[in-house]
């Protein structure tokens, strides 16, 4: 009996030892296991090892404002032919401001003067005393105090261009006092001369002392210069 009990006791002790060894191995395995779950996957910036940082506003490029297109310079007004600027004289008796009015008795002064050459000539000088340019058109209508009609006009004295007078400028016409001598020329001394710039606008001027005229008298067209007037 004693021997049987000893034989049963040995396997029981061996079983207990085996269970204890198993328990120790299980505890060791649990202790070596990670205490926490593995961390989540690294972000791309962490994976590269270079931390991302926001751009510095001070160093960020400043957007440029488009410049406004430069306004084209206004073209200046075209110069008039002959170097005259805008508002100056132009061919045909006009300016860049429009047609020029005809000179009248209201805006001119007319003077009759003697000349030494050619003989038997007077010169009529018309001056623009107004504030705007005017045209001394054609030839003046000239009559003496006792004339029944104006004296004739020298058609071959017609200028190539209209005589336009700026304020203060003058034009000229020559008067031939006598024609061919003869018994029927009706010569007489003249004291007053009527000068019409248009058919309905004229004035009477004083004739130079000793002016003698006859039926052969004639007058030229208005000219730009005194020299041109005295050619006729």
Protein backbone atom coordinates (compact mmCIF):
# COMPACT_ATOMS: atom_id res chain seq x y z
CA UNK A 1 0.00 0.00 0.00
CA UNK A 2 2.76 2.31 0.91
CA UNK A 3 4.56 1.56 -2.36
CA UNK A 4 1.36 2.17 -4.41
CA UNK A 5 0.85 5.51 -2.78
CA UNK A 6 4.40 6.50 -3.57
CA UNK A 7 3.95 5.59 -7.23
CA UNK A 8 0.75 7.70 -7.53
CA UNK A 9 2.42 10.63 -5.84
CA UNK A 10 5.22 10.83 -8.42
CA UNK A 11 3.02 11.35 -11.45
CA UNK A 12 0.95 13.95 -9.55
CA UNK A 13 4.08 15.87 -8.65
CA UNK A 14 5.31 15.72 -12.22
CA UNK A 15 1.95 17.01 -13.47
CA UNK A 16 2.05 19.90 -11.00
CA UNK A 17 5.57 20.80 -12.10
CA UNK A 18 4.54 20.78 -15.76
CA UNK A 19 1.56 23.04 -15.12
CA UNK A 20 3.77 25.46 -13.17
CA UNK A 21 6.35 25.60 -16.02
CA UNK A 22 3.59 26.28 -18.54
CA UNK A 23 2.25 29.10 -16.41
CA UNK A 24 5.72 30.71 -16.20
CA UNK A 25 6.24 30.55 -19.96
CA UNK A 26 2.83 32.14 -20.55
CA UNK A 27 3.61 35.00 -18.16
CA UNK A 28 6.97 35.63 -19.77
CA UNK A 29 5.39 35.79 -23.24
CA UNK A 30 2.76 38.30 -22.06
CA UNK A 31 5.38 40.50 -20.42
CA UNK A 32 7.51 40.78 -23.60
CA UNK A 33 4.52 41.83 -25.72
CA UNK A 34 4.22 45.59 -26.54
CA UNK A 35 2.27 47.43 -23.89
CA UNK A 36 0.63 49.70 -26.43
CA UNK A 37 -0.55 49.31 -29.98
CA UNK A 38 1.87 50.47 -32.70
CA UNK A 39 1.52 54.16 -33.60
CA UNK A 40 -0.24 55.22 -36.79
CA UNK A 41 1.71 55.58 -40.02
CA UNK A 42 3.94 58.62 -40.26
CA UNK A 43 2.78 61.56 -42.38
CA UNK A 44 4.66 62.31 -45.63
CA UNK A 45 6.46 65.26 -44.05
CA UNK A 46 7.55 63.17 -41.07
CA UNK A 47 8.68 60.41 -43.40
CA UNK A 48 10.96 62.75 -45.29
CA UNK A 49 12.47 64.11 -42.11
CA UNK A 50 11.95 67.77 -43.17
CA UNK A 51 9.23 69.60 -41.25
CA UNK A 52 6.90 71.73 -43.30
CA UNK A 53 6.50 75.37 -42.22
CA UNK A 54 4.12 78.02 -43.58
CA UNK A 55 5.60 80.61 -45.96
CA UNK A 56 6.83 83.78 -44.33
CA UNK A 57 4.47 86.62 -45.40
CA UNK A 58 7.34 89.08 -45.33
CA UNK A 59 9.28 87.11 -47.94
CA UNK A 60 6.29 86.16 -50.09
CA UNK A 61 6.31 87.87 -53.53
CA UNK A 62 4.19 91.01 -53.65
CA UNK A 63 1.74 91.04 -56.56
CA UNK A 64 2.40 93.94 -58.90
CA UNK A 65 -0.39 96.27 -59.99
CA UNK A 66 -0.59 96.58 -63.80
CA UNK A 67 0.47 100.05 -64.85
CA UNK A 68 -2.14 102.18 -66.56
CA UNK A 69 -1.56 102.70 -70.29
CA UNK A 70 -0.02 106.04 -71.08
CA UNK A 71 -2.52 108.39 -72.68
CA UNK A 72 -1.52 109.23 -76.18
CA UNK A 73 -0.58 112.84 -76.64
CA UNK A 74 -3.27 114.80 -78.34
CA UNK A 75 -2.17 115.56 -81.71
CA UNK A 76 -1.42 119.13 -82.05
CA UNK A 77 -3.28 121.13 -84.59
CA UNK A 78 -1.80 121.08 -88.07
CA UNK A 79 0.14 124.17 -89.05
CA UNK A 80 -1.28 126.30 -91.77
CA UNK A 81 0.52 126.40 -95.14
CA UNK A 82 3.43 128.80 -95.20
CA UNK A 83 4.35 128.15 -91.55
CA UNK A 84 1.29 129.87 -90.09
CA UNK A 85 -0.03 128.25 -86.93
CA UNK A 86 -3.65 127.40 -86.17
CA UNK A 87 -5.75 130.55 -86.49
CA UNK A 88 -3.30 132.09 -88.99
CA UNK A 89 -3.96 133.04 -92.59
CA UNK A 90 -4.65 130.44 -95.22
CA UNK A 91 -5.06 130.72 -98.99
CA UNK A 92 -8.47 131.82 -100.17
CA UNK A 93 -9.04 134.40 -97.44
CA UNK A 94 -9.78 131.99 -94.60
CA UNK A 95 -8.24 130.89 -91.32
CA UNK A 96 -8.29 127.57 -89.46
CA UNK A 97 -11.15 129.06 -87.40
CA UNK A 98 -13.36 129.36 -90.47
CA UNK A 99 -14.13 131.80 -93.29
CA UNK A 100 -12.94 135.37 -92.85
CA UNK A 101 -15.44 138.21 -93.10
CA UNK A 102 -15.08 141.00 -95.63
CA UNK A 103 -13.46 144.24 -94.48
CA UNK A 104 -15.99 147.07 -94.10
CA UNK A 105 -15.91 150.74 -93.22
CA UNK A 106 -16.80 149.84 -89.63
CA UNK A 107 -13.58 147.93 -88.91
CA UNK A 108 -11.05 149.72 -91.15
CA UNK A 109 -9.31 153.04 -91.54
CA UNK A 110 -8.62 154.42 -95.03
CA UNK A 111 -6.07 157.12 -95.87
CA UNK A 112 -5.19 158.72 -99.24
CA UNK A 113 -1.54 159.73 -99.70
CA UNK A 114 0.63 161.32 -102.41
CA UNK A 115 3.62 159.51 -103.89
CA UNK A 116 6.49 160.98 -105.87
CA UNK A 117 6.73 158.03 -108.24
CA UNK A 118 4.93 157.22 -110.41
CA UNK A 119 3.69 160.71 -111.15
CA UNK A 120 -0.03 161.51 -111.03
CA UNK A 121 -0.65 158.72 -108.54
CA UNK A 122 -2.21 158.45 -105.11
CA UNK A 123 -2.09 155.49 -102.75
CA UNK A 124 -5.07 154.33 -100.70
CA UNK A 125 -4.07 152.53 -97.52
CA UNK A 126 -6.67 150.37 -95.74
CA UNK A 127 -5.84 149.23 -92.19
CA UNK A 128 -7.74 146.66 -90.15
CA UNK A 129 -8.60 148.38 -86.87
CA UNK A 130 -10.95 145.60 -85.72
CA UNK A 131 -10.24 142.64 -83.50
CA UNK A 132 -10.54 139.91 -86.15
CA UNK A 133 -9.00 139.24 -89.58
CA UNK A 134 -10.88 140.51 -92.61
CA UNK A 135 -10.57 140.29 -96.39
CA UNK A 136 -9.92 143.35 -98.51
CA UNK A 137 -11.82 142.01 -101.49
CA UNK A 138 -11.30 142.98 -105.12
CA UNK A 139 -10.77 146.69 -105.76
CA UNK A 140 -12.34 149.61 -103.92
CA UNK A 141 -15.10 151.64 -105.55
CA UNK A 142 -13.56 155.11 -105.80
CA UNK A 143 -15.32 158.35 -106.71
CA UNK A 144 -14.54 162.03 -106.52
CA UNK A 145 -16.86 164.59 -104.94
CA UNK A 146 -18.50 165.60 -108.23
CA UNK A 147 -18.31 162.20 -109.99
CA UNK A 148 -21.38 160.65 -111.53
CA UNK A 149 -19.90 157.11 -111.31
CA UNK A 150 -16.90 155.35 -109.79
CA UNK A 151 -13.64 155.51 -111.67
CA UNK A 152 -12.62 152.45 -113.70
CA UNK A 153 -10.78 149.46 -112.24
CA UNK A 154 -7.45 148.17 -113.59
CA UNK A 155 -8.38 144.54 -114.23
CA UNK A 156 -4.82 143.47 -114.96
CA UNK A 157 -3.88 144.33 -111.35
CA UNK A 158 -5.91 141.46 -109.84
CA UNK A 159 -3.70 139.65 -107.27
CA UNK A 160 -3.21 135.88 -107.20
CA UNK A 161 -4.69 135.57 -103.70
CA UNK A 162 -7.21 137.39 -101.56
CA UNK A 163 -5.62 140.07 -99.38
CA UNK A 164 -6.43 139.02 -95.79
CA UNK A 165 -5.62 141.58 -93.12
CA UNK A 166 -4.96 140.56 -89.54
CA UNK A 167 -5.74 143.19 -86.89
CA UNK A 168 -3.30 146.06 -87.40
CA UNK A 169 -2.25 145.02 -90.91
CA UNK A 170 -2.69 147.16 -94.03
CA UNK A 171 -3.41 146.69 -97.73
CA UNK A 172 -2.81 149.11 -100.61
CA UNK A 173 -4.41 150.28 -103.85
CA UNK A 174 -2.99 152.83 -106.28
CA UNK A 175 -5.05 155.52 -107.97
CA UNK A 176 -4.04 156.85 -111.37
CA UNK A 177 -5.29 160.44 -111.32
CA UNK A 178 -5.14 161.32 -115.00
CA UNK A 179 -5.27 159.56 -118.32
CA UNK A 180 -4.17 160.63 -121.75
CA UNK A 181 -4.38 164.43 -122.07
CA UNK A 182 -7.10 165.83 -124.29
CA UNK A 183 -9.77 168.52 -124.57
CA UNK A 184 -12.57 166.35 -123.14
CA UNK A 185 -10.87 164.90 -120.05
CA UNK A 186 -12.67 167.24 -117.66
CA UNK A 187 -9.73 167.78 -115.34
CA UNK A 188 -10.43 169.32 -111.90
CA UNK A 189 -9.03 169.69 -108.42
CA UNK A 190 -10.24 167.05 -105.97
CA UNK A 191 -10.73 167.67 -102.27
CA UNK A 192 -12.76 164.63 -101.20
CA UNK A 193 -12.54 160.99 -102.26
CA UNK A 194 -15.21 158.43 -101.55
CA UNK A 195 -13.87 154.90 -100.97
CA UNK A 196 -16.25 151.94 -100.78
CA UNK A 197 -14.83 148.59 -99.66
CA UNK A 198 -18.12 146.93 -100.66
CA UNK A 199 -21.04 148.26 -102.64
CA UNK A 200 -22.81 149.33 -99.44
CA UNK A 201 -20.00 150.10 -97.01
CA UNK A 202 -17.74 153.07 -97.59
CA UNK A 203 -16.37 156.31 -96.23
CA UNK A 204 -15.15 159.66 -97.50
CA UNK A 205 -11.50 160.62 -97.02
CA UNK A 206 -9.64 163.87 -97.55
CA UNK A 207 -7.58 164.13 -100.72
CA UNK A 208 -4.00 165.38 -100.39
CA UNK A 209 -3.60 169.07 -101.13
CA UNK A 210 -3.26 169.86 -104.84
CA UNK A 211 -4.81 166.58 -106.06
CA UNK A 212 -5.81 166.96 -109.70
CA UNK A 213 -7.83 164.27 -111.53
CA UNK A 214 -9.67 163.80 -114.79
CA UNK A 215 -11.92 161.28 -116.50
CA UNK A 216 -8.98 158.96 -117.19
CA UNK A 217 -8.57 158.13 -113.49
CA UNK A 218 -8.43 154.46 -112.46
CA UNK A 219 -7.80 152.36 -109.38
CA UNK A 220 -6.01 149.02 -108.84
CA UNK A 221 -7.10 145.98 -106.83
CA UNK A 222 -6.07 145.81 -103.20
CA UNK A 223 -2.50 144.54 -102.89
CA UNK A 224 -0.50 143.02 -100.08
CA UNK A 225 2.41 145.49 -100.37
CA UNK A 226 2.86 149.09 -101.39
CA UNK A 227 5.39 148.06 -104.04
CA UNK A 228 2.85 145.79 -105.71
CA UNK A 229 0.24 148.55 -105.69
CA UNK A 230 2.57 151.11 -107.31
CA UNK A 231 3.44 148.82 -110.21
CA UNK A 232 0.10 149.64 -111.82
